Amino acid sequence: MAEGKVVSLQLCVGHREPMDTRDRVVALTGTGLEGDRHANPQSHRQVLLMEKEILDSLDLKPGTIRENVTISGLLIHQLPAGQRLHIGDGVVLEITGLCEPCSRMDEIRAGLRETLDGKRGVLTRVLQGGVLQVGDRIALEVPSLSR
C-alpha cells in the first residue's frame, strides 16, 4: 500500500496574511481545519495538500504556495477525485480535485503560476475529523472489491 507522511502544517488565518505554521491542527468533520479561513461546510477546498518533493524541486519552503498540509512520499497529483486519504489516528480526507494556480503564485515568483499548472496541490474535504500532526502517516484507502 502506498504511504506518505505529513511534513508540515499551515493555517491560512486571513486573506493575504502570512501562513501560521503549526505542529498540530484539528480537522473538523465536514468543515476543514479549525482556525483556517477556508473552513466551510459548503467548500470543496477545505484542506489543500501539496507534495514536498515538488516544492523542493522549485526551491520553495512548505507553506509558500499557501497549502495547509505538506506531505512527502505520495504522488497525490496523480490520484483521482474521490480518493480517500487516511492520516494519523483517524482523519480521513477525500480529494475533490486539483488546485488551479492563481495569479498570486506570480507574486511569489515570476512564472510560478505557469510552472505549477497541474501540480499546485490537491483540494480535499474532511470526511472524518481529528488531530493532524507533523509526522503522521498517510495511507491511501483501497477500494473494496465486490464480486
N, C-alpha and C. Protein backbone atom coordinates (compact mmCIF):
# COMPACT_ATOMS: atom_id res chain seq x y z
N MET A 1 0.84 -1.18 0.00
CA MET A 1 0.00 0.00 0.00
C MET A 1 0.88 1.25 0.00
N ALA A 2 0.52 2.22 -0.84
CA ALA A 2 1.26 3.49 -0.88
C ALA A 2 1.09 4.23 0.43
N GLU A 3 2.18 4.81 0.91
CA GLU A 3 2.13 5.52 2.18
C GLU A 3 3.04 6.74 2.13
N GLY A 4 2.59 7.81 2.77
CA GLY A 4 3.38 9.02 2.87
C GLY A 4 3.35 9.52 4.29
N LYS A 5 3.81 10.76 4.48
CA LYS A 5 3.75 11.33 5.82
C LYS A 5 3.56 12.84 5.74
N VAL A 6 3.03 13.40 6.81
CA VAL A 6 2.85 14.84 6.94
C VAL A 6 4.18 15.44 7.37
N VAL A 7 4.67 16.43 6.60
CA VAL A 7 5.94 17.06 6.95
C VAL A 7 5.79 18.50 7.44
N SER A 8 4.63 19.11 7.17
CA SER A 8 4.40 20.48 7.62
C SER A 8 2.91 20.78 7.61
N LEU A 9 2.47 21.62 8.56
CA LEU A 9 1.07 22.02 8.66
C LEU A 9 0.99 23.54 8.75
N GLN A 10 0.05 24.11 8.00
CA GLN A 10 -0.13 25.56 7.98
C GLN A 10 -1.61 25.91 8.00
N LEU A 11 -1.94 27.00 8.69
CA LEU A 11 -3.30 27.55 8.66
C LEU A 11 -3.28 28.88 7.92
N CYS A 12 -4.29 29.10 7.11
CA CYS A 12 -4.49 30.40 6.48
C CYS A 12 -5.42 31.17 7.42
N VAL A 13 -4.86 32.12 8.15
CA VAL A 13 -5.63 32.81 9.19
C VAL A 13 -6.35 34.06 8.67
N GLY A 14 -6.00 34.51 7.47
CA GLY A 14 -6.67 35.68 6.90
C GLY A 14 -6.21 35.93 5.48
N HIS A 15 -7.04 36.64 4.73
CA HIS A 15 -6.72 36.98 3.34
C HIS A 15 -5.41 37.75 3.27
N ARG A 16 -4.47 37.20 2.52
CA ARG A 16 -3.14 37.80 2.32
C ARG A 16 -2.30 37.90 3.59
N GLU A 17 -2.73 37.23 4.65
CA GLU A 17 -1.94 37.15 5.88
C GLU A 17 -0.91 36.03 5.72
N PRO A 18 0.23 36.11 6.43
CA PRO A 18 1.20 35.00 6.39
C PRO A 18 0.57 33.72 6.93
N MET A 19 0.99 32.60 6.38
CA MET A 19 0.51 31.30 6.87
C MET A 19 1.05 31.09 8.28
N ASP A 20 0.23 30.44 9.11
CA ASP A 20 0.59 30.15 10.50
C ASP A 20 1.03 28.68 10.58
N THR A 21 2.32 28.43 10.72
CA THR A 21 2.85 27.07 10.78
C THR A 21 2.59 26.47 12.15
N ARG A 22 2.11 25.23 12.17
CA ARG A 22 1.77 24.53 13.41
C ARG A 22 2.37 23.14 13.43
N ASP A 23 2.54 22.59 14.64
CA ASP A 23 2.95 21.19 14.78
C ASP A 23 1.75 20.26 14.74
N ARG A 24 0.58 20.82 15.09
CA ARG A 24 -0.66 20.03 15.07
C ARG A 24 -1.82 20.96 14.80
N VAL A 25 -2.84 20.43 14.14
CA VAL A 25 -4.07 21.17 13.84
C VAL A 25 -5.24 20.22 14.05
N VAL A 26 -6.43 20.79 14.18
CA VAL A 26 -7.63 19.98 14.34
C VAL A 26 -8.45 20.05 13.05
N ALA A 27 -8.71 18.89 12.47
CA ALA A 27 -9.57 18.79 11.30
C ALA A 27 -11.00 18.56 11.79
N LEU A 28 -11.90 19.40 11.33
CA LEU A 28 -13.31 19.33 11.74
C LEU A 28 -14.12 18.64 10.65
N THR A 29 -14.81 17.57 11.02
CA THR A 29 -15.60 16.80 10.07
C THR A 29 -16.53 17.71 9.26
N GLY A 30 -16.44 17.60 7.94
CA GLY A 30 -17.31 18.34 7.05
C GLY A 30 -17.05 19.83 6.95
N THR A 31 -15.98 20.32 7.56
CA THR A 31 -15.74 21.76 7.60
C THR A 31 -14.36 22.17 7.12
N GLY A 32 -13.31 21.56 7.64
CA GLY A 32 -11.94 21.96 7.31
C GLY A 32 -11.09 22.01 8.56
N LEU A 33 -10.06 22.85 8.56
CA LEU A 33 -9.16 22.94 9.69
C LEU A 33 -9.60 24.07 10.62
N GLU A 34 -9.66 23.76 11.90
CA GLU A 34 -10.05 24.74 12.90
C GLU A 34 -9.10 25.94 12.83
N GLY A 35 -9.67 27.14 12.70
CA GLY A 35 -8.87 28.35 12.64
C GLY A 35 -8.44 28.76 11.24
N ASP A 36 -8.75 27.94 10.23
CA ASP A 36 -8.37 28.27 8.85
C ASP A 36 -9.51 29.01 8.16
N ARG A 37 -9.17 30.04 7.40
CA ARG A 37 -10.21 30.85 6.77
C ARG A 37 -10.99 30.10 5.69
N HIS A 38 -10.48 28.97 5.22
CA HIS A 38 -11.18 28.20 4.20
C HIS A 38 -12.09 27.13 4.80
N ALA A 39 -12.14 27.02 6.13
CA ALA A 39 -13.01 26.04 6.78
C ALA A 39 -14.46 26.43 6.53
N ASN A 40 -15.15 25.61 5.72
CA ASN A 40 -16.50 25.94 5.31
C ASN A 40 -17.19 24.65 4.85
N PRO A 41 -18.32 24.31 5.45
CA PRO A 41 -19.01 23.07 5.07
C PRO A 41 -19.40 23.01 3.59
N GLN A 42 -19.61 24.15 2.93
CA GLN A 42 -20.01 24.15 1.53
C GLN A 42 -18.82 24.14 0.56
N SER A 43 -17.61 24.21 1.08
CA SER A 43 -16.44 24.34 0.22
C SER A 43 -15.88 22.98 -0.22
N HIS A 44 -15.42 22.93 -1.45
CA HIS A 44 -14.69 21.75 -1.94
C HIS A 44 -13.20 21.92 -1.65
N ARG A 45 -12.81 23.10 -1.09
CA ARG A 45 -11.41 23.42 -0.80
C ARG A 45 -11.23 23.59 0.71
N GLN A 46 -11.62 22.58 1.46
CA GLN A 46 -11.49 22.67 2.91
C GLN A 46 -10.04 22.56 3.36
N VAL A 47 -9.27 21.68 2.70
CA VAL A 47 -7.86 21.47 3.05
C VAL A 47 -7.08 21.29 1.76
N LEU A 48 -5.98 22.04 1.61
CA LEU A 48 -5.12 21.93 0.43
C LEU A 48 -3.85 21.17 0.80
N LEU A 49 -3.57 20.08 0.06
CA LEU A 49 -2.37 19.28 0.26
C LEU A 49 -1.39 19.51 -0.88
N MET A 50 -0.10 19.49 -0.55
CA MET A 50 0.95 19.69 -1.55
C MET A 50 2.10 18.74 -1.28
N GLU A 51 2.75 18.29 -2.35
CA GLU A 51 3.90 17.40 -2.24
C GLU A 51 5.18 18.20 -1.97
N LYS A 52 5.89 17.82 -0.93
CA LYS A 52 7.16 18.48 -0.59
C LYS A 52 8.17 18.31 -1.72
N GLU A 53 8.12 17.18 -2.39
CA GLU A 53 9.07 16.92 -3.47
C GLU A 53 8.96 17.97 -4.58
N ILE A 54 7.73 18.40 -4.88
CA ILE A 54 7.54 19.44 -5.89
C ILE A 54 8.07 20.77 -5.37
N LEU A 55 7.76 21.09 -4.12
CA LEU A 55 8.27 22.33 -3.52
C LEU A 55 9.80 22.34 -3.56
N ASP A 56 10.42 21.22 -3.18
CA ASP A 56 11.89 21.13 -3.19
C ASP A 56 12.45 21.36 -4.58
N SER A 57 11.80 20.79 -5.60
CA SER A 57 12.30 20.94 -6.97
C SER A 57 12.23 22.39 -7.45
N LEU A 58 11.38 23.19 -6.81
CA LEU A 58 11.23 24.60 -7.16
C LEU A 58 11.90 25.53 -6.16
N ASP A 59 12.62 24.93 -5.20
CA ASP A 59 13.31 25.68 -4.15
C ASP A 59 12.33 26.56 -3.36
N LEU A 60 11.19 25.96 -2.99
CA LEU A 60 10.17 26.64 -2.18
C LEU A 60 10.02 25.93 -0.85
N LYS A 61 9.78 26.69 0.19
CA LYS A 61 9.57 26.13 1.53
C LYS A 61 8.10 25.76 1.71
N PRO A 62 7.79 24.76 2.58
CA PRO A 62 6.40 24.44 2.88
C PRO A 62 5.63 25.69 3.31
N GLY A 63 4.41 25.80 2.80
CA GLY A 63 3.54 26.92 3.12
C GLY A 63 3.65 28.08 2.16
N THR A 64 4.71 28.12 1.35
CA THR A 64 4.92 29.25 0.44
C THR A 64 3.76 29.40 -0.54
N ILE A 65 3.25 28.28 -1.06
CA ILE A 65 2.15 28.39 -2.02
C ILE A 65 0.79 28.27 -1.33
N ARG A 66 0.80 28.43 0.00
CA ARG A 66 -0.40 28.54 0.83
C ARG A 66 -1.16 27.23 1.00
N GLU A 67 -0.42 26.12 0.95
CA GLU A 67 -1.06 24.83 1.24
C GLU A 67 -1.21 24.66 2.74
N ASN A 68 -2.18 23.84 3.14
CA ASN A 68 -2.40 23.55 4.56
C ASN A 68 -1.54 22.39 5.05
N VAL A 69 -1.41 21.37 4.22
CA VAL A 69 -0.69 20.16 4.62
C VAL A 69 0.35 19.86 3.55
N THR A 70 1.62 19.85 3.95
CA THR A 70 2.70 19.48 3.05
C THR A 70 3.02 18.03 3.36
N ILE A 71 3.03 17.21 2.32
CA ILE A 71 3.25 15.77 2.51
C ILE A 71 4.49 15.33 1.74
N SER A 72 4.96 14.14 2.08
CA SER A 72 6.09 13.55 1.39
C SER A 72 5.79 12.07 1.17
N GLY A 73 6.24 11.54 0.04
CA GLY A 73 6.16 10.11 -0.20
C GLY A 73 4.97 9.63 -1.00
N LEU A 74 4.04 10.50 -1.34
CA LEU A 74 2.87 10.12 -2.15
C LEU A 74 2.77 11.06 -3.35
N LEU A 75 2.47 10.51 -4.50
CA LEU A 75 2.25 11.32 -5.70
C LEU A 75 0.76 11.65 -5.77
N ILE A 76 0.35 12.64 -5.00
CA ILE A 76 -1.08 12.94 -4.87
C ILE A 76 -1.69 13.56 -6.12
N HIS A 77 -0.88 14.19 -6.96
CA HIS A 77 -1.42 14.82 -8.16
C HIS A 77 -1.94 13.80 -9.18
N GLN A 78 -1.54 12.55 -9.01
CA GLN A 78 -1.99 11.50 -9.91
C GLN A 78 -3.24 10.80 -9.41
N LEU A 79 -3.71 11.17 -8.22
CA LEU A 79 -4.87 10.49 -7.63
C LEU A 79 -6.17 11.11 -8.13
N PRO A 80 -7.21 10.28 -8.30
CA PRO A 80 -8.48 10.79 -8.81
C PRO A 80 -9.33 11.46 -7.73
N ALA A 81 -10.24 12.31 -8.17
CA ALA A 81 -11.23 12.86 -7.25
C ALA A 81 -11.99 11.68 -6.65
N GLY A 82 -12.29 11.77 -5.37
CA GLY A 82 -12.97 10.69 -4.68
C GLY A 82 -12.03 9.79 -3.88
N GLN A 83 -10.72 9.85 -4.21
CA GLN A 83 -9.74 9.05 -3.46
C GLN A 83 -9.70 9.53 -2.02
N ARG A 84 -9.69 8.59 -1.09
CA ARG A 84 -9.64 8.93 0.33
C ARG A 84 -8.25 8.68 0.90
N LEU A 85 -7.83 9.61 1.75
CA LEU A 85 -6.54 9.53 2.42
C LEU A 85 -6.78 9.41 3.91
N HIS A 86 -6.16 8.40 4.54
CA HIS A 86 -6.26 8.20 5.98
C HIS A 86 -4.98 8.74 6.60
N ILE A 87 -5.14 9.69 7.52
CA ILE A 87 -3.99 10.36 8.11
C ILE A 87 -4.00 10.17 9.62
N GLY A 88 -2.85 9.75 10.15
CA GLY A 88 -2.72 9.61 11.60
C GLY A 88 -3.68 8.60 12.18
N ASP A 89 -4.30 8.98 13.30
CA ASP A 89 -5.18 8.05 14.02
C ASP A 89 -6.66 8.25 13.70
N GLY A 90 -7.00 8.54 12.47
CA GLY A 90 -8.41 8.56 12.15
C GLY A 90 -8.91 9.66 11.24
N VAL A 91 -8.09 10.63 10.89
CA VAL A 91 -8.55 11.68 9.98
C VAL A 91 -8.66 11.09 8.57
N VAL A 92 -9.79 11.38 7.92
CA VAL A 92 -9.99 10.93 6.55
C VAL A 92 -10.32 12.15 5.68
N LEU A 93 -9.51 12.35 4.65
CA LEU A 93 -9.74 13.41 3.68
C LEU A 93 -10.10 12.78 2.35
N GLU A 94 -10.98 13.44 1.60
CA GLU A 94 -11.35 12.98 0.27
C GLU A 94 -10.95 14.03 -0.76
N ILE A 95 -10.22 13.59 -1.77
CA ILE A 95 -9.78 14.50 -2.83
C ILE A 95 -10.99 14.96 -3.64
N THR A 96 -11.10 16.29 -3.83
CA THR A 96 -12.17 16.84 -4.66
C THR A 96 -11.65 17.32 -6.01
N GLY A 97 -10.35 17.46 -6.15
CA GLY A 97 -9.77 17.86 -7.44
C GLY A 97 -8.44 18.57 -7.28
N LEU A 98 -7.86 18.91 -8.41
CA LEU A 98 -6.60 19.65 -8.41
C LEU A 98 -6.85 21.12 -8.09
N CYS A 99 -5.89 21.76 -7.46
CA CYS A 99 -5.96 23.19 -7.19
C CYS A 99 -5.32 23.92 -8.37
N GLU A 100 -6.07 24.78 -9.00
CA GLU A 100 -5.55 25.56 -10.11
C GLU A 100 -4.71 26.72 -9.57
N PRO A 101 -3.50 26.90 -10.07
CA PRO A 101 -2.68 28.02 -9.59
C PRO A 101 -3.30 29.36 -10.00
N CYS A 102 -3.32 30.30 -9.07
CA CYS A 102 -3.89 31.62 -9.32
C CYS A 102 -2.77 32.63 -9.55
N SER A 103 -3.17 33.86 -9.87
CA SER A 103 -2.20 34.91 -10.16
C SER A 103 -1.31 35.23 -8.97
N ARG A 104 -1.74 34.90 -7.76
CA ARG A 104 -0.92 35.14 -6.57
C ARG A 104 0.40 34.37 -6.64
N MET A 105 0.42 33.26 -7.37
CA MET A 105 1.65 32.48 -7.49
C MET A 105 2.74 33.32 -8.15
N ASP A 106 2.36 34.16 -9.12
CA ASP A 106 3.33 35.03 -9.78
C ASP A 106 3.82 36.15 -8.87
N GLU A 107 3.09 36.42 -7.78
CA GLU A 107 3.57 37.38 -6.78
C GLU A 107 4.71 36.77 -5.96
N ILE A 108 4.71 35.45 -5.84
CA ILE A 108 5.77 34.75 -5.12
C ILE A 108 7.03 34.72 -5.98
N ARG A 109 6.84 34.37 -7.24
CA ARG A 109 7.96 34.30 -8.19
C ARG A 109 7.39 34.42 -9.60
N ALA A 110 7.97 35.26 -10.41
CA ALA A 110 7.52 35.43 -11.79
C ALA A 110 7.53 34.07 -12.50
N GLY A 111 6.42 33.74 -13.17
CA GLY A 111 6.30 32.50 -13.91
C GLY A 111 5.88 31.29 -13.09
N LEU A 112 5.72 31.46 -11.77
CA LEU A 112 5.38 30.31 -10.91
C LEU A 112 3.99 29.76 -11.21
N ARG A 113 3.06 30.64 -11.57
CA ARG A 113 1.70 30.17 -11.89
C ARG A 113 1.75 29.14 -13.01
N GLU A 114 2.46 29.46 -14.07
CA GLU A 114 2.57 28.53 -15.20
C GLU A 114 3.33 27.27 -14.81
N THR A 115 4.41 27.44 -14.05
CA THR A 115 5.21 26.30 -13.61
C THR A 115 4.38 25.31 -12.78
N LEU A 116 3.46 25.83 -11.97
CA LEU A 116 2.66 24.98 -11.08
C LEU A 116 1.39 24.43 -11.74
N ASP A 117 1.16 24.75 -13.01
CA ASP A 117 -0.04 24.25 -13.67
C ASP A 117 -0.09 22.73 -13.61
N GLY A 118 -1.16 22.21 -13.03
CA GLY A 118 -1.33 20.76 -12.87
C GLY A 118 -0.61 20.15 -11.69
N LYS A 119 0.08 21.00 -10.90
CA LYS A 119 0.80 20.45 -9.74
C LYS A 119 0.89 21.44 -8.58
N ARG A 120 -0.19 22.22 -8.36
CA ARG A 120 -0.19 23.16 -7.24
C ARG A 120 -0.74 22.53 -5.97
N GLY A 121 -1.19 21.32 -6.06
CA GLY A 121 -1.74 20.64 -4.89
C GLY A 121 -3.10 20.06 -5.19
N VAL A 122 -3.64 19.32 -4.23
CA VAL A 122 -4.98 18.78 -4.38
C VAL A 122 -5.88 19.33 -3.29
N LEU A 123 -7.11 19.60 -3.69
CA LEU A 123 -8.13 20.08 -2.79
C LEU A 123 -8.82 18.88 -2.16
N THR A 124 -9.13 19.00 -0.88
CA THR A 124 -9.81 17.90 -0.19
C THR A 124 -10.90 18.44 0.73
N ARG A 125 -11.78 17.53 1.12
CA ARG A 125 -12.75 17.85 2.16
C ARG A 125 -12.58 16.83 3.29
N VAL A 126 -12.97 17.24 4.49
CA VAL A 126 -12.77 16.40 5.68
C VAL A 126 -13.97 15.48 5.87
N LEU A 127 -13.77 14.18 5.68
CA LEU A 127 -14.83 13.20 5.91
C LEU A 127 -14.89 12.77 7.36
N GLN A 128 -13.72 12.67 7.99
CA GLN A 128 -13.62 12.29 9.40
C GLN A 128 -12.57 13.17 10.06
N GLY A 129 -13.00 13.93 11.05
CA GLY A 129 -12.10 14.86 11.71
C GLY A 129 -11.23 14.20 12.77
N GLY A 130 -10.36 15.02 13.34
CA GLY A 130 -9.44 14.58 14.38
C GLY A 130 -8.21 15.46 14.37
N VAL A 131 -7.19 15.04 15.08
CA VAL A 131 -5.96 15.80 15.18
C VAL A 131 -4.98 15.35 14.09
N LEU A 132 -4.41 16.33 13.39
CA LEU A 132 -3.34 16.09 12.43
C LEU A 132 -2.05 16.61 13.05
N GLN A 133 -0.97 15.83 12.92
CA GLN A 133 0.31 16.23 13.48
C GLN A 133 1.43 16.01 12.47
N VAL A 134 2.45 16.86 12.55
CA VAL A 134 3.63 16.64 11.73
C VAL A 134 4.17 15.25 12.08
N GLY A 135 4.50 14.47 11.08
CA GLY A 135 4.99 13.11 11.27
C GLY A 135 3.92 12.05 11.09
N ASP A 136 2.64 12.44 11.06
CA ASP A 136 1.56 11.46 10.85
C ASP A 136 1.73 10.73 9.53
N ARG A 137 1.40 9.45 9.56
CA ARG A 137 1.43 8.63 8.35
C ARG A 137 0.16 8.87 7.54
N ILE A 138 0.30 8.77 6.23
CA ILE A 138 -0.83 8.93 5.30
C ILE A 138 -0.93 7.65 4.48
N ALA A 139 -2.11 7.05 4.46
CA ALA A 139 -2.33 5.83 3.67
C ALA A 139 -3.51 6.05 2.73
N LEU A 140 -3.40 5.51 1.53
CA LEU A 140 -4.50 5.56 0.58
C LEU A 140 -5.52 4.50 0.93
N GLU A 141 -6.78 4.86 0.87
CA GLU A 141 -7.84 3.87 1.07
C GLU A 141 -7.93 3.02 -0.18
N VAL A 142 -7.90 1.73 -0.01
CA VAL A 142 -8.01 0.81 -1.12
C VAL A 142 -9.49 0.49 -1.31
N PRO A 143 -10.00 0.73 -2.52
CA PRO A 143 -11.42 0.44 -2.77
C PRO A 143 -11.71 -1.03 -2.55
N SER A 144 -12.88 -1.30 -1.96
CA SER A 144 -13.25 -2.71 -1.74
C SER A 144 -13.67 -3.31 -3.07
N LEU A 145 -13.35 -4.56 -3.26
CA LEU A 145 -13.71 -5.27 -4.49
C LEU A 145 -14.97 -6.06 -4.23
N SER A 146 -16.01 -5.74 -4.99
CA SER A 146 -17.25 -6.51 -4.85
C SER A 146 -17.31 -7.54 -5.96
N ARG A 147 -17.84 -8.70 -5.63
CA ARG A 147 -17.87 -9.79 -6.61
C ARG A 147 -19.25 -9.97 -7.14
